Amino acid sequence: MFRELFKFKILNKKKLISNKKQKVVKKIKNIDKTLGGIDKLTILAEIRLMLKKLEVS
């Protein structure tokens, strides 16, 4: 009984993580679509510099 419950919790947790990953991937794809022809590497470099200035990363 305990093993089955434990397996159920693990499966639910994996499904939850999978759903969160899918949402993140969807958001990234939307951002990528929105940026279109803009040089993404330049934008990422700028964001990285700003984060370093804020001492976040």
PDB file of N, CA and C in Angstrom:
ATOM      1  N   MET A   1       0.832  -1.191   0.000  1.00  0.00           N
ATOM      2  CA  MET A   1       0.000   0.000   0.000  1.00  0.00           C
ATOM      3  C   MET A   1       0.877   1.256   0.000  1.00  0.00           C
ATOM      4  N   PHE A   2       1.857   1.295   0.900  1.00  0.00           N
ATOM      5  CA  PHE A   2       2.728   2.468   0.992  1.00  0.00           C
ATOM      6  C   PHE A   2       3.517   2.651  -0.298  1.00  0.00           C
ATOM      7  N   ARG A   3       4.007   1.528  -0.848  1.00  0.00           N
ATOM      8  CA  ARG A   3       4.775   1.615  -2.094  1.00  0.00           C
ATOM      9  C   ARG A   3       3.935   2.182  -3.227  1.00  0.00           C
ATOM     10  N   GLU A   4       2.696   1.722  -3.324  1.00  0.00           N
ATOM     11  CA  GLU A   4       1.810   2.217  -4.378  1.00  0.00           C
ATOM     12  C   GLU A   4       1.546   3.708  -4.209  1.00  0.00           C
ATOM     13  N   LEU A   5       1.340   4.129  -2.988  1.00  0.00           N
ATOM     14  CA  LEU A   5       1.108   5.545  -2.710  1.00  0.00           C
ATOM     15  C   LEU A   5       2.353   6.358  -3.049  1.00  0.00           C
ATOM     16  N   PHE A   6       3.517   5.829  -2.695  1.00  0.00           N
ATOM     17  CA  PHE A   6       4.781   6.503  -2.975  1.00  0.00           C
ATOM     18  C   PHE A   6       4.995   6.630  -4.488  1.00  0.00           C
ATOM     19  N   LYS A   7       4.727   5.545  -5.228  1.00  0.00           N
ATOM     20  CA  LYS A   7       4.859   5.580  -6.688  1.00  0.00           C
ATOM     21  C   LYS A   7       3.895   6.601  -7.279  1.00  0.00           C
ATOM     22  N   PHE A   8       2.686   6.644  -6.752  1.00  0.00           N
ATOM     23  CA  PHE A   8       1.680   7.592  -7.228  1.00  0.00           C
ATOM     24  C   PHE A   8       2.158   9.028  -7.033  1.00  0.00           C
ATOM     25  N   LYS A   9       2.744   9.303  -5.863  1.00  0.00           N
ATOM     26  CA  LYS A   9       3.249  10.656  -5.590  1.00  0.00           C
ATOM     27  C   LYS A   9       4.384  11.008  -6.534  1.00  0.00           C
ATOM     28  N   ILE A  10       5.277  10.040  -6.789  1.00  0.00           N
ATOM     29  CA  ILE A  10       6.403  10.283  -7.695  1.00  0.00           C
ATOM     30  C   ILE A  10       5.881  10.570  -9.101  1.00  0.00           C
ATOM     31  N   LEU A  11       4.922   9.772  -9.563  1.00  0.00           N
ATOM     32  CA  LEU A  11       4.363   9.989 -10.897  1.00  0.00           C
ATOM     33  C   LEU A  11       3.687  11.349 -10.996  1.00  0.00           C
ATOM     34  N   ASN A  12       2.949  11.737  -9.957  1.00  0.00           N
ATOM     35  CA  ASN A  12       2.298  13.050  -9.964  1.00  0.00           C
ATOM     36  C   ASN A  12       3.329  14.169  -9.988  1.00  0.00           C
ATOM     37  N   LYS A  13       4.413  14.001  -9.234  1.00  0.00           N
ATOM     38  CA  LYS A  13       5.459  15.022  -9.198  1.00  0.00           C
ATOM     39  C   LYS A  13       6.129  15.134 -10.563  1.00  0.00           C
ATOM     40  N   LYS A  14       6.409  13.981 -11.193  1.00  0.00           N
ATOM     41  CA  LYS A  14       7.026  14.005 -12.522  1.00  0.00           C
ATOM     42  C   LYS A  14       6.100  14.667 -13.537  1.00  0.00           C
ATOM     43  N   LYS A  15       4.807  14.376 -13.428  1.00  0.00           N
ATOM     44  CA  LYS A  15       3.836  14.978 -14.343  1.00  0.00           C
ATOM     45  C   LYS A  15       3.770  16.482 -14.126  1.00  0.00           C
ATOM     46  N   LEU A  16       3.807  16.918 -12.872  1.00  0.00           N
ATOM     47  CA  LEU A  16       3.778  18.338 -12.544  1.00  0.00           C
ATOM     48  C   LEU A  16       5.010  19.043 -13.110  1.00  0.00           C
ATOM     49  N   ILE A  17       6.176  18.426 -12.938  1.00  0.00           N
ATOM     50  CA  ILE A  17       7.418  18.997 -13.471  1.00  0.00           C
ATOM     51  C   ILE A  17       7.340  19.070 -14.988  1.00  0.00           C
ATOM     52  N   SER A  18       6.829  18.012 -15.610  1.00  0.00           N
ATOM     53  CA  SER A  18       6.684  17.977 -17.062  1.00  0.00           C
ATOM     54  C   SER A  18       5.764  19.096 -17.542  1.00  0.00           C
ATOM     55  N   ASN A  19       4.656  19.305 -16.856  1.00  0.00           N
ATOM     56  CA  ASN A  19       3.723  20.374 -17.225  1.00  0.00           C
ATOM     57  C   ASN A  19       4.377  21.744 -17.098  1.00  0.00           C
ATOM     58  N   LYS A  20       5.157  21.941 -16.036  1.00  0.00           N
ATOM     59  CA  LYS A  20       5.845  23.225 -15.851  1.00  0.00           C
ATOM     60  C   LYS A  20       6.853  23.449 -16.969  1.00  0.00           C
ATOM     61  N   LYS A  21       7.589  22.387 -17.342  1.00  0.00           N
ATOM     62  CA  LYS A  21       8.568  22.506 -18.426  1.00  0.00           C
ATOM     63  C   LYS A  21       7.876  22.868 -19.732  1.00  0.00           C
ATOM     64  N   GLN A  22       6.730  22.246 -19.996  1.00  0.00           N
ATOM     65  CA  GLN A  22       5.988  22.542 -21.220  1.00  0.00           C
ATOM     66  C   GLN A  22       5.543  23.997 -21.251  1.00  0.00           C
ATOM     67  N   LYS A  23       5.107  24.535 -20.112  1.00  0.00           N
ATOM     68  CA  LYS A  23       4.686  25.936 -20.045  1.00  0.00           C
ATOM     69  C   LYS A  23       5.863  26.864 -20.319  1.00  0.00           C
ATOM     70  N   VAL A  24       7.026  26.537 -19.754  1.00  0.00           N
ATOM     71  CA  VAL A  24       8.215  27.365 -19.964  1.00  0.00           C
ATOM     72  C   VAL A  24       8.624  27.325 -21.431  1.00  0.00           C
ATOM     73  N   VAL A  25       8.626  26.139 -22.022  1.00  0.00           N
ATOM     74  CA  VAL A  25       8.988  26.003 -23.434  1.00  0.00           C
ATOM     75  C   VAL A  25       8.033  26.815 -24.303  1.00  0.00           C
ATOM     76  N   LYS A  26       6.748  26.772 -23.975  1.00  0.00           N
ATOM     77  CA  LYS A  26       5.754  27.529 -24.739  1.00  0.00           C
ATOM     78  C   LYS A  26       6.023  29.028 -24.638  1.00  0.00           C
ATOM     79  N   LYS A  27       6.349  29.506 -23.428  1.00  0.00           N
ATOM     80  CA  LYS A  27       6.653  30.929 -23.247  1.00  0.00           C
ATOM     81  C   LYS A  27       7.886  31.323 -24.050  1.00  0.00           C
ATOM     82  N   ILE A  28       8.915  30.469 -24.016  1.00  0.00           N
ATOM     83  CA  ILE A  28      10.147  30.752 -24.760  1.00  0.00           C
ATOM     84  C   ILE A  28       9.856  30.825 -26.253  1.00  0.00           C
ATOM     85  N   LYS A  29       9.053  29.898 -26.753  1.00  0.00           N
ATOM     86  CA  LYS A  29       8.712  29.908 -28.180  1.00  0.00           C
ATOM     87  C   LYS A  29       7.951  31.173 -28.549  1.00  0.00           C
ATOM     88  N   ASN A  30       7.045  31.616 -27.670  1.00  0.00           N
ATOM     89  CA  ASN A  30       6.298  32.850 -27.934  1.00  0.00           C
ATOM     90  C   ASN A  30       7.225  34.054 -27.969  1.00  0.00           C
ATOM     91  N   ILE A  31       8.165  34.102 -27.032  1.00  0.00           N
ATOM     92  CA  ILE A  31       9.136  35.205 -27.006  1.00  0.00           C
ATOM     93  C   ILE A  31       9.978  35.172 -28.269  1.00  0.00           C
ATOM     94  N   ASP A  32      10.418  33.975 -28.658  1.00  0.00           N
ATOM     95  CA  ASP A  32      11.234  33.813 -29.856  1.00  0.00           C
ATOM     96  C   ASP A  32      10.474  34.294 -31.089  1.00  0.00           C
ATOM     97  N   LYS A  33       9.193  33.957 -31.166  1.00  0.00           N
ATOM     98  CA  LYS A  33       8.353  34.376 -32.285  1.00  0.00           C
ATOM     99  C   LYS A  33       8.204  35.897 -32.300  1.00  0.00           C
ATOM    100  N   THR A  34       8.022  36.477 -31.117  1.00  0.00           N
ATOM    101  CA  THR A  34       7.826  37.918 -30.997  1.00  0.00           C
ATOM    102  C   THR A  34       9.068  38.684 -31.436  1.00  0.00           C
ATOM    103  N   LEU A  35      10.231  38.167 -31.057  1.00  0.00           N
ATOM    104  CA  LEU A  35      11.474  38.863 -31.394  1.00  0.00           C
ATOM    105  C   LEU A  35      11.771  38.794 -32.886  1.00  0.00           C
ATOM    106  N   GLY A  36      11.333  37.738 -33.530  1.00  0.00           N
ATOM    107  CA  GLY A  36      11.481  37.619 -34.977  1.00  0.00           C
ATOM    108  C   GLY A  36      12.896  37.838 -35.461  1.00  0.00           C
ATOM    109  N   GLY A  37      13.100  38.925 -36.214  1.00  0.00           N
ATOM    110  CA  GLY A  37      14.383  39.185 -36.847  1.00  0.00           C
ATOM    111  C   GLY A  37      15.395  39.887 -35.964  1.00  0.00           C
ATOM    112  N   ILE A  38      15.034  40.197 -34.733  1.00  0.00           N
ATOM    113  CA  ILE A  38      15.960  40.892 -33.843  1.00  0.00           C
ATOM    114  C   ILE A  38      17.097  39.949 -33.464  1.00  0.00           C
ATOM    115  N   ASP A  39      18.291  40.472 -33.379  1.00  0.00           N
ATOM    116  CA  ASP A  39      19.457  39.655 -33.021  1.00  0.00           C
ATOM    117  C   ASP A  39      19.353  39.226 -31.562  1.00  0.00           C
ATOM    118  N   LYS A  40      18.989  37.985 -31.360  1.00  0.00           N
ATOM    119  CA  LYS A  40      18.728  37.471 -30.010  1.00  0.00           C
ATOM    120  C   LYS A  40      19.992  37.379 -29.168  1.00  0.00           C
ATOM    121  N   LEU A  41      21.111  37.066 -29.808  1.00  0.00           N
ATOM    122  CA  LEU A  41      22.360  36.951 -29.048  1.00  0.00           C
ATOM    123  C   LEU A  41      22.755  38.290 -28.446  1.00  0.00           C
ATOM    124  N   THR A  42      22.534  39.356 -29.182  1.00  0.00           N
ATOM    125  CA  THR A  42      22.830  40.692 -28.669  1.00  0.00           C
ATOM    126  C   THR A  42      21.947  41.002 -27.468  1.00  0.00           C
ATOM    127  N   ILE A  43      20.679  40.666 -27.576  1.00  0.00           N
ATOM    128  CA  ILE A  43      19.748  40.911 -26.474  1.00  0.00           C
ATOM    129  C   ILE A  43      20.159  40.118 -25.244  1.00  0.00           C
ATOM    130  N   LEU A  44      20.498  38.840 -25.447  1.00  0.00           N
ATOM    131  CA  LEU A  44      20.919  38.006 -24.320  1.00  0.00           C
ATOM    132  C   LEU A  44      22.186  38.551 -23.665  1.00  0.00           C
ATOM    133  N   ALA A  45      23.104  39.041 -24.479  1.00  0.00           N
ATOM    134  CA  ALA A  45      24.335  39.619 -23.937  1.00  0.00           C
ATOM    135  C   ALA A  45      24.021  40.858 -23.099  1.00  0.00           C
ATOM    136  N   GLU A  46      23.105  41.683 -23.579  1.00  0.00           N
ATOM    137  CA  GLU A  46      22.711  42.884 -22.840  1.00  0.00           C
ATOM    138  C   GLU A  46      22.041  42.522 -21.515  1.00  0.00           C
ATOM    139  N   ILE A  47      21.167  41.534 -21.555  1.00  0.00           N
ATOM    140  CA  ILE A  47      20.492  41.090 -20.328  1.00  0.00           C
ATOM    141  C   ILE A  47      21.521  40.567 -19.333  1.00  0.00           C
ATOM    142  N   ARG A  48      22.470  39.807 -19.830  1.00  0.00           N
ATOM    143  CA  ARG A  48      23.517  39.256 -18.953  1.00  0.00           C
ATOM    144  C   ARG A  48      24.326  40.374 -18.295  1.00  0.00           C
ATOM    145  N   LEU A  49      24.668  41.392 -19.069  1.00  0.00           N
ATOM    146  CA  LEU A  49      25.411  42.525 -18.514  1.00  0.00           C
ATOM    147  C   LEU A  49      24.605  43.245 -17.439  1.00  0.00           C
ATOM    148  N   MET A  50      23.319  43.438 -17.693  1.00  0.00           N
ATOM    149  CA  MET A  50      22.468  44.108 -16.705  1.00  0.00           C
ATOM    150  C   MET A  50      22.386  43.296 -15.418  1.00  0.00           C
ATOM    151  N   LEU A  51      22.260  41.974 -15.561  1.00  0.00           N
ATOM    152  CA  LEU A  51      22.187  41.116 -14.379  1.00  0.00           C
ATOM    153  C   LEU A  51      23.494  41.151 -13.592  1.00  0.00           C
ATOM    154  N   LYS A  52      24.614  41.193 -14.314  1.00  0.00           N
ATOM    155  CA  LYS A  52      25.907  41.277 -13.623  1.00  0.00           C
ATOM    156  C   LYS A  52      26.023  42.589 -12.861  1.00  0.00           C
ATOM    157  N   LYS A  53      25.542  43.667 -13.479  1.00  0.00           N
ATOM    158  CA  LYS A  53      25.582  44.962 -12.806  1.00  0.00           C
ATOM    159  C   LYS A  53      24.730  44.951 -11.545  1.00  0.00           C
ATOM    160  N   LEU A  54      23.632  44.215 -11.598  1.00  0.00           N
ATOM    161  CA  LEU A  54      22.759  44.099 -10.432  1.00  0.00           C
ATOM    162  C   LEU A  54      23.242  43.019  -9.468  1.00  0.00           C
ATOM    163  N   GLU A  55      24.313  42.334  -9.843  1.00  0.00           N
ATOM    164  CA  GLU A  55      24.909  41.248  -9.058  1.00  0.00           C
ATOM    165  C   GLU A  55      23.913  40.125  -8.796  1.00  0.00           C
ATOM    166  N   VAL A  56      23.103  39.834  -9.808  1.00  0.00           N
ATOM    167  CA  VAL A  56      22.131  38.750  -9.696  1.00  0.00           C
ATOM    168  C   VAL A  56      22.791  37.431 -10.040  1.00  0.00           C
ATOM    169  N   SER A  57      23.589  37.428 -11.108  1.00  0.00           N
ATOM    170  CA  SER A  57      24.207  36.169 -11.523  1.00  0.00           C
ATOM    171  C   SER A  57      25.645  36.096 -11.083  1.00  0.00           C
TER     172      SER A  57
END
